[in-house]
N, C-alpha and C. Protein backbone atom coordinates (compact mmCIF):
# COMPACT_ATOMS: atom_id res chain seq x y z
N MET A 1 9.71 18.08 9.88
CA MET A 1 9.31 17.73 8.51
C MET A 1 10.10 16.53 8.00
N LEU A 2 11.37 16.49 8.34
CA LEU A 2 12.21 15.40 7.87
C LEU A 2 11.70 14.06 8.42
N ILE A 3 11.31 14.07 9.69
CA ILE A 3 10.82 12.82 10.31
C ILE A 3 9.57 12.34 9.58
N LYS A 4 8.69 13.26 9.28
CA LYS A 4 7.46 12.89 8.56
C LYS A 4 7.80 12.28 7.21
N LYS A 5 8.77 12.86 6.54
CA LYS A 5 9.17 12.36 5.22
C LYS A 5 9.69 10.93 5.35
N ILE A 6 10.52 10.69 6.37
CA ILE A 6 11.08 9.34 6.57
C ILE A 6 9.95 8.36 6.87
N GLN A 7 9.00 8.78 7.70
CA GLN A 7 7.87 7.90 8.03
C GLN A 7 7.09 7.55 6.77
N LYS A 8 6.88 8.56 5.92
CA LYS A 8 6.14 8.32 4.67
C LYS A 8 6.86 7.30 3.81
N ILE A 9 8.18 7.43 3.72
CA ILE A 9 8.97 6.50 2.91
C ILE A 9 8.86 5.09 3.48
N LYS A 10 8.92 4.98 4.81
CA LYS A 10 8.82 3.66 5.45
C LYS A 10 7.47 3.03 5.14
N VAL A 11 6.41 3.82 5.27
CA VAL A 11 5.06 3.30 4.99
C VAL A 11 4.97 2.88 3.53
N PHE A 12 5.54 3.69 2.63
CA PHE A 12 5.49 3.40 1.20
C PHE A 12 6.20 2.07 0.92
N ARG A 13 7.35 1.85 1.57
CA ARG A 13 8.09 0.60 1.35
C ARG A 13 7.29 -0.58 1.85
N CYS A 14 6.66 -0.42 3.02
CA CYS A 14 5.84 -1.51 3.58
C CYS A 14 4.70 -1.83 2.62
N GLN A 15 4.07 -0.80 2.09
CA GLN A 15 2.96 -1.01 1.16
C GLN A 15 3.45 -1.71 -0.10
N LYS A 16 4.64 -1.34 -0.57
CA LYS A 16 5.20 -1.96 -1.77
C LYS A 16 5.41 -3.46 -1.54
N LYS A 17 6.01 -3.80 -0.38
CA LYS A 17 6.23 -5.22 -0.05
C LYS A 17 4.90 -5.95 -0.01
N PHE A 18 3.91 -5.31 0.63
CA PHE A 18 2.58 -5.91 0.77
C PHE A 18 1.97 -6.16 -0.61
N LEU A 19 2.11 -5.18 -1.51
CA LEU A 19 1.54 -5.32 -2.85
C LEU A 19 2.26 -6.41 -3.63
N LYS A 20 3.57 -6.53 -3.42
CA LYS A 20 4.32 -7.58 -4.12
C LYS A 20 3.81 -8.95 -3.68
N LYS A 21 3.57 -9.10 -2.36
CA LYS A 21 3.05 -10.37 -1.84
C LYS A 21 1.69 -10.66 -2.45
N LYS A 22 0.87 -9.59 -2.57
CA LYS A 22 -0.50 -9.76 -3.04
C LYS A 22 -0.64 -9.48 -4.52
N GLY A 23 0.45 -9.56 -5.25
CA GLY A 23 0.43 -9.24 -6.68
C GLY A 23 -0.67 -9.96 -7.45
N GLU A 24 -0.92 -11.23 -7.10
CA GLU A 24 -1.90 -12.01 -7.85
C GLU A 24 -3.33 -11.71 -7.40
N ASN A 25 -3.48 -10.93 -6.33
CA ASN A 25 -4.82 -10.61 -5.82
C ASN A 25 -5.23 -9.20 -6.23
N LYS A 26 -4.77 -8.75 -7.39
CA LYS A 26 -5.01 -7.36 -7.82
C LYS A 26 -6.51 -7.07 -7.88
N LYS A 27 -7.28 -7.99 -8.45
CA LYS A 27 -8.72 -7.75 -8.61
C LYS A 27 -9.38 -7.59 -7.24
N GLN A 28 -9.00 -8.44 -6.29
CA GLN A 28 -9.56 -8.35 -4.94
C GLN A 28 -9.27 -6.98 -4.34
N GLU A 29 -8.04 -6.49 -4.54
CA GLU A 29 -7.65 -5.19 -4.00
C GLU A 29 -8.52 -4.08 -4.59
N ASN A 30 -8.74 -4.13 -5.90
CA ASN A 30 -9.55 -3.10 -6.55
C ASN A 30 -10.96 -3.10 -5.99
N LEU A 31 -11.52 -4.29 -5.77
CA LEU A 31 -12.86 -4.37 -5.19
C LEU A 31 -12.85 -3.80 -3.78
N PHE A 32 -11.80 -4.09 -3.04
CA PHE A 32 -11.67 -3.61 -1.67
C PHE A 32 -11.65 -2.08 -1.64
N TYR A 33 -10.88 -1.47 -2.53
CA TYR A 33 -10.79 -0.01 -2.56
C TYR A 33 -12.13 0.60 -2.97
N ARG A 34 -12.82 -0.05 -3.90
CA ARG A 34 -14.11 0.46 -4.35
C ARG A 34 -15.12 0.43 -3.21
N SER A 35 -15.12 -0.65 -2.45
CA SER A 35 -16.10 -0.79 -1.37
C SER A 35 -15.83 0.19 -0.24
N ARG A 36 -14.59 0.67 -0.13
CA ARG A 36 -14.23 1.60 0.95
C ARG A 36 -14.65 3.03 0.62
N LYS A 37 -14.85 3.34 -0.66
CA LYS A 37 -15.16 4.74 -1.04
C LYS A 37 -16.53 5.15 -0.54
């Protein structure tokens, strides 16, 4: 369970970095998530 928790944290940090890079593309991201549903 601990390993899974660490992996989740790593993924979360990667996603955070990715979102920071793409901060100005927020609208594009929202459209992307909508199209995936």
